[in-house]
Amino acid sequence: MDDMWSTKAWDDLKMIFPDDDNRSRIIVTTRLLDVATYANFPSSCPPHKMHFLDEDQSWNLLRQMVFKQEDCAVELEKIGNLIAASCVGLPLAIVVIAGLLSTVDNTQASWENIAKNKLQIAKGIRCGKFCGTAFSPSST
């Protein structure tokens, strides 16, 4: 269950998942610690806290997603780092941008176009809207 926003929503949803003692599990993501703790009860294991990626981790993820096992051209590293940093440590935003970059020529001009036209969307907008806009044909 992704992006759970309230304990009431968890209460409403958990009723449809019977406890048949078969050890099945439900993964819940939330930004709210009280919701995570509530949904995790009575487990003795605390909720796992996710952290944003730093700039190096962001660039490494972007580079890996675009180039797989190949090397990145030196002339793309500066703009690539800028693009990765503009994703503010959000792995999903990085993967979406990497998907866009993998569809264009690996030239500095193509990557600068992505940086100029697509990264404005990422600033101050929730990732859900960003992802939808990034893959919309009318936004290219």
C-alpha atoms as a PDB file:
ATOM      1  CA  MET A   1       0.000   0.000   0.000  1.00  0.00           C
ATOM      2  CA  ASP A   2       1.710   3.153  -1.179  1.00  0.00           C
ATOM      3  CA  ASP A   3       1.560   6.603   0.407  1.00  0.00           C
ATOM      4  CA  MET A   4      -0.758   5.889   3.359  1.00  0.00           C
ATOM      5  CA  TRP A   5      -1.807   9.224   4.882  1.00  0.00           C
ATOM      6  CA  SER A   6      -3.856   8.313   7.956  1.00  0.00           C
ATOM      7  CA  THR A   7      -4.388   5.646  10.580  1.00  0.00           C
ATOM      8  CA  LYS A   8      -8.077   5.630   9.653  1.00  0.00           C
ATOM      9  CA  ALA A   9      -7.193   4.673   6.071  1.00  0.00           C
ATOM     10  CA  TRP A  10      -5.100   1.795   7.440  1.00  0.00           C
ATOM     11  CA  ASP A  11      -7.981   0.664   9.657  1.00  0.00           C
ATOM     12  CA  ASP A  12     -10.342   0.711   6.676  1.00  0.00           C
ATOM     13  CA  LEU A  13      -7.951  -1.244   4.463  1.00  0.00           C
ATOM     14  CA  LYS A  14      -6.704  -3.858   6.914  1.00  0.00           C
ATOM     15  CA  MET A  15     -10.243  -5.211   7.330  1.00  0.00           C
ATOM     16  CA  ILE A  16     -10.109  -6.630   3.796  1.00  0.00           C
ATOM     17  CA  PHE A  17      -6.888  -8.553   4.527  1.00  0.00           C
ATOM     18  CA  PRO A  18      -7.765 -11.525   6.751  1.00  0.00           C
ATOM     19  CA  ASP A  19      -5.278 -12.829   9.304  1.00  0.00           C
ATOM     20  CA  ASP A  20      -5.216 -16.519   8.353  1.00  0.00           C
ATOM     21  CA  ASP A  21      -1.967 -17.243  10.214  1.00  0.00           C
ATOM     22  CA  ASN A  22      -0.231 -17.933   6.885  1.00  0.00           C
ATOM     23  CA  ARG A  23       2.505 -15.353   7.576  1.00  0.00           C
ATOM     24  CA  SER A  24       1.718 -13.176   4.565  1.00  0.00           C
ATOM     25  CA  ARG A  25       2.772  -9.542   4.791  1.00  0.00           C
ATOM     26  CA  ILE A  26       1.655  -6.162   3.514  1.00  0.00           C
ATOM     27  CA  ILE A  27       4.184  -3.442   2.770  1.00  0.00           C
ATOM     28  CA  VAL A  28       2.979   0.051   3.615  1.00  0.00           C
ATOM     29  CA  THR A  29       4.759   3.233   2.604  1.00  0.00           C
ATOM     30  CA  THR A  30       4.050   6.538   4.263  1.00  0.00           C
ATOM     31  CA  ARG A  31       5.764   9.823   5.029  1.00  0.00           C
ATOM     32  CA  LEU A  32       4.178   9.895   8.482  1.00  0.00           C
ATOM     33  CA  LEU A  33       5.925   8.142  11.358  1.00  0.00           C
ATOM     34  CA  ASP A  34       2.726   7.852  13.419  1.00  0.00           C
ATOM     35  CA  VAL A  35       0.995   6.031  10.547  1.00  0.00           C
ATOM     36  CA  ALA A  36       3.984   3.717  10.043  1.00  0.00           C
ATOM     37  CA  THR A  37       4.135   2.905  13.740  1.00  0.00           C
ATOM     38  CA  TYR A  38       0.375   2.360  13.934  1.00  0.00           C
ATOM     39  CA  ALA A  39       0.303   0.043  10.893  1.00  0.00           C
ATOM     40  CA  ASN A  40       3.292  -1.884  12.246  1.00  0.00           C
ATOM     41  CA  PHE A  41       1.705  -2.632  15.631  1.00  0.00           C
ATOM     42  CA  PRO A  42       2.252  -5.017  17.475  1.00  0.00           C
ATOM     43  CA  SER A  43       5.605  -5.728  15.810  1.00  0.00           C
ATOM     44  CA  SER A  44       8.713  -5.271  17.909  1.00  0.00           C
ATOM     45  CA  CYS A  45      10.549  -4.126  14.787  1.00  0.00           C
ATOM     46  CA  PRO A  46      10.523  -0.333  14.265  1.00  0.00           C
ATOM     47  CA  PRO A  47       9.481   1.094  10.871  1.00  0.00           C
ATOM     48  CA  HIS A  48      12.258   1.454   8.306  1.00  0.00           C
ATOM     49  CA  LYS A  49      13.081   5.099   7.595  1.00  0.00           C
ATOM     50  CA  MET A  50      14.103   5.974   4.051  1.00  0.00           C
ATOM     51  CA  HIS A  51      16.500   8.805   3.302  1.00  0.00           C
ATOM     52  CA  PHE A  52      17.076  10.968   0.258  1.00  0.00           C
ATOM     53  CA  LEU A  53      20.057  10.139  -1.937  1.00  0.00           C
ATOM     54  CA  ASP A  54      23.030  12.484  -1.757  1.00  0.00           C
ATOM     55  CA  GLU A  55      24.386  14.070  -4.955  1.00  0.00           C
ATOM     56  CA  ASP A  56      26.957  11.316  -5.584  1.00  0.00           C
ATOM     57  CA  GLN A  57      24.377   8.567  -5.075  1.00  0.00           C
ATOM     58  CA  SER A  58      21.952  10.445  -7.328  1.00  0.00           C
ATOM     59  CA  TRP A  59      24.525  10.790 -10.115  1.00  0.00           C
ATOM     60  CA  ASN A  60      25.565   7.130  -9.763  1.00  0.00           C
ATOM     61  CA  LEU A  61      21.936   5.981 -10.044  1.00  0.00           C
ATOM     62  CA  LEU A  62      21.280   8.222 -13.053  1.00  0.00           C
ATOM     63  CA  ARG A  63      24.456   7.089 -14.797  1.00  0.00           C
ATOM     64  CA  GLN A  64      23.713   3.413 -14.105  1.00  0.00           C
ATOM     65  CA  MET A  65      20.136   3.700 -15.379  1.00  0.00           C
ATOM     66  CA  VAL A  66      21.136   5.491 -18.587  1.00  0.00           C
ATOM     67  CA  PHE A  67      24.377   3.735 -19.488  1.00  0.00           C
ATOM     68  CA  LYS A  68      24.029   0.321 -17.788  1.00  0.00           C
ATOM     69  CA  GLN A  69      27.552  -1.170 -18.052  1.00  0.00           C
ATOM     70  CA  GLU A  70      28.893   1.390 -20.527  1.00  0.00           C
ATOM     71  CA  ASP A  71      30.965   4.441 -19.647  1.00  0.00           C
ATOM     72  CA  CYS A  72      29.454   7.914 -19.614  1.00  0.00           C
ATOM     73  CA  ALA A  73      30.996  10.370 -22.057  1.00  0.00           C
ATOM     74  CA  VAL A  74      33.096  12.966 -20.245  1.00  0.00           C
ATOM     75  CA  GLU A  75      31.173  15.860 -21.833  1.00  0.00           C
ATOM     76  CA  LEU A  76      27.924  14.578 -20.259  1.00  0.00           C
ATOM     77  CA  GLU A  77      29.208  14.361 -16.686  1.00  0.00           C
ATOM     78  CA  LYS A  78      28.731  18.037 -15.769  1.00  0.00           C
ATOM     79  CA  ILE A  79      25.182  18.278 -17.127  1.00  0.00           C
ATOM     80  CA  GLY A  80      24.447  14.775 -15.814  1.00  0.00           C
ATOM     81  CA  ASN A  81      25.439  15.824 -12.314  1.00  0.00           C
ATOM     82  CA  LEU A  82      23.252  18.926 -12.626  1.00  0.00           C
ATOM     83  CA  ILE A  83      20.304  16.815 -13.766  1.00  0.00           C
ATOM     84  CA  ALA A  84      20.829  14.319 -10.939  1.00  0.00           C
ATOM     85  CA  ALA A  85      21.107  17.108  -8.342  1.00  0.00           C
ATOM     86  CA  SER A  86      17.889  18.684  -9.638  1.00  0.00           C
ATOM     87  CA  CYS A  87      16.024  15.494  -8.702  1.00  0.00           C
ATOM     88  CA  VAL A  88      16.644  16.436  -5.035  1.00  0.00           C
ATOM     89  CA  GLY A  89      17.587  12.913  -3.952  1.00  0.00           C
ATOM     90  CA  LEU A  90      14.323  11.278  -5.044  1.00  0.00           C
ATOM     91  CA  PRO A  91      15.116   7.909  -6.651  1.00  0.00           C
ATOM     92  CA  LEU A  92      11.839   7.811  -8.591  1.00  0.00           C
ATOM     93  CA  ALA A  93      12.499  11.239 -10.104  1.00  0.00           C
ATOM     94  CA  ILE A  94      16.011  10.102 -11.084  1.00  0.00           C
ATOM     95  CA  VAL A  95      14.690   6.924 -12.708  1.00  0.00           C
ATOM     96  CA  VAL A  96      12.058   8.902 -14.636  1.00  0.00           C
ATOM     97  CA  ILE A  97      14.640  11.388 -15.914  1.00  0.00           C
ATOM     98  CA  ALA A  98      17.003   8.505 -16.747  1.00  0.00           C
ATOM     99  CA  GLY A  99      14.201   6.984 -18.807  1.00  0.00           C
ATOM    100  CA  LEU A 100      13.867  10.236 -20.728  1.00  0.00           C
ATOM    101  CA  LEU A 101      17.623  10.531 -21.208  1.00  0.00           C
ATOM    102  CA  SER A 102      17.817   6.989 -22.552  1.00  0.00           C
ATOM    103  CA  THR A 103      15.425   7.963 -25.380  1.00  0.00           C
ATOM    104  CA  VAL A 104      17.512  10.886 -26.664  1.00  0.00           C
ATOM    105  CA  ASP A 105      20.935  11.081 -28.267  1.00  0.00           C
ATOM    106  CA  ASN A 106      23.808  11.028 -25.807  1.00  0.00           C
ATOM    107  CA  THR A 107      24.894  14.529 -26.724  1.00  0.00           C
ATOM    108  CA  GLN A 108      25.388  17.525 -24.517  1.00  0.00           C
ATOM    109  CA  ALA A 109      22.709  19.452 -26.439  1.00  0.00           C
ATOM    110  CA  SER A 110      20.111  16.698 -25.919  1.00  0.00           C
ATOM    111  CA  TRP A 111      20.854  16.449 -22.214  1.00  0.00           C
ATOM    112  CA  GLU A 112      20.791  20.243 -21.812  1.00  0.00           C
ATOM    113  CA  ASN A 113      17.368  20.250 -23.480  1.00  0.00           C
ATOM    114  CA  ILE A 114      16.121  17.689 -20.947  1.00  0.00           C
ATOM    115  CA  ALA A 115      17.648  19.739 -18.120  1.00  0.00           C
ATOM    116  CA  LYS A 116      16.056  22.968 -19.346  1.00  0.00           C
ATOM    117  CA  ASN A 117      12.611  21.673 -20.270  1.00  0.00           C
ATOM    118  CA  LYS A 118      11.914  18.784 -17.920  1.00  0.00           C
ATOM    119  CA  LEU A 119      13.615  19.629 -14.653  1.00  0.00           C
ATOM    120  CA  GLN A 120      11.514  22.737 -14.089  1.00  0.00           C
ATOM    121  CA  ILE A 121       8.656  20.331 -13.426  1.00  0.00           C
ATOM    122  CA  ALA A 122      10.547  18.672 -10.574  1.00  0.00           C
ATOM    123  CA  LYS A 123      10.933  21.832  -8.518  1.00  0.00           C
ATOM    124  CA  GLY A 124       8.209  22.166  -5.911  1.00  0.00           C
ATOM    125  CA  ILE A 125       5.870  19.593  -7.435  1.00  0.00           C
ATOM    126  CA  ARG A 126       5.021  16.189  -5.984  1.00  0.00           C
ATOM    127  CA  CYS A 127       6.709  13.325  -7.794  1.00  0.00           C
ATOM    128  CA  GLY A 128       3.379  11.839  -8.907  1.00  0.00           C
ATOM    129  CA  LYS A 129       2.586  14.905 -10.998  1.00  0.00           C
ATOM    130  CA  PHE A 130       6.200  15.049 -12.164  1.00  0.00           C
ATOM    131  CA  CYS A 131       6.145  11.453 -13.405  1.00  0.00           C
ATOM    132  CA  GLY A 132       2.863  11.912 -15.220  1.00  0.00           C
ATOM    133  CA  THR A 133       4.053  15.079 -16.936  1.00  0.00           C
ATOM    134  CA  ALA A 134       7.437  13.609 -17.803  1.00  0.00           C
ATOM    135  CA  PHE A 135       5.889  10.826 -19.857  1.00  0.00           C
ATOM    136  CA  SER A 136       3.154  12.888 -21.458  1.00  0.00           C
ATOM    137  CA  PRO A 137       3.714  13.239 -25.233  1.00  0.00           C
ATOM    138  CA  SER A 138       2.516  16.845 -25.115  1.00  0.00           C
ATOM    139  CA  SER A 139       5.301  17.782 -22.679  1.00  0.00           C
ATOM    140  CA  THR A 140       8.190  16.929 -25.001  1.00  0.00           C
END
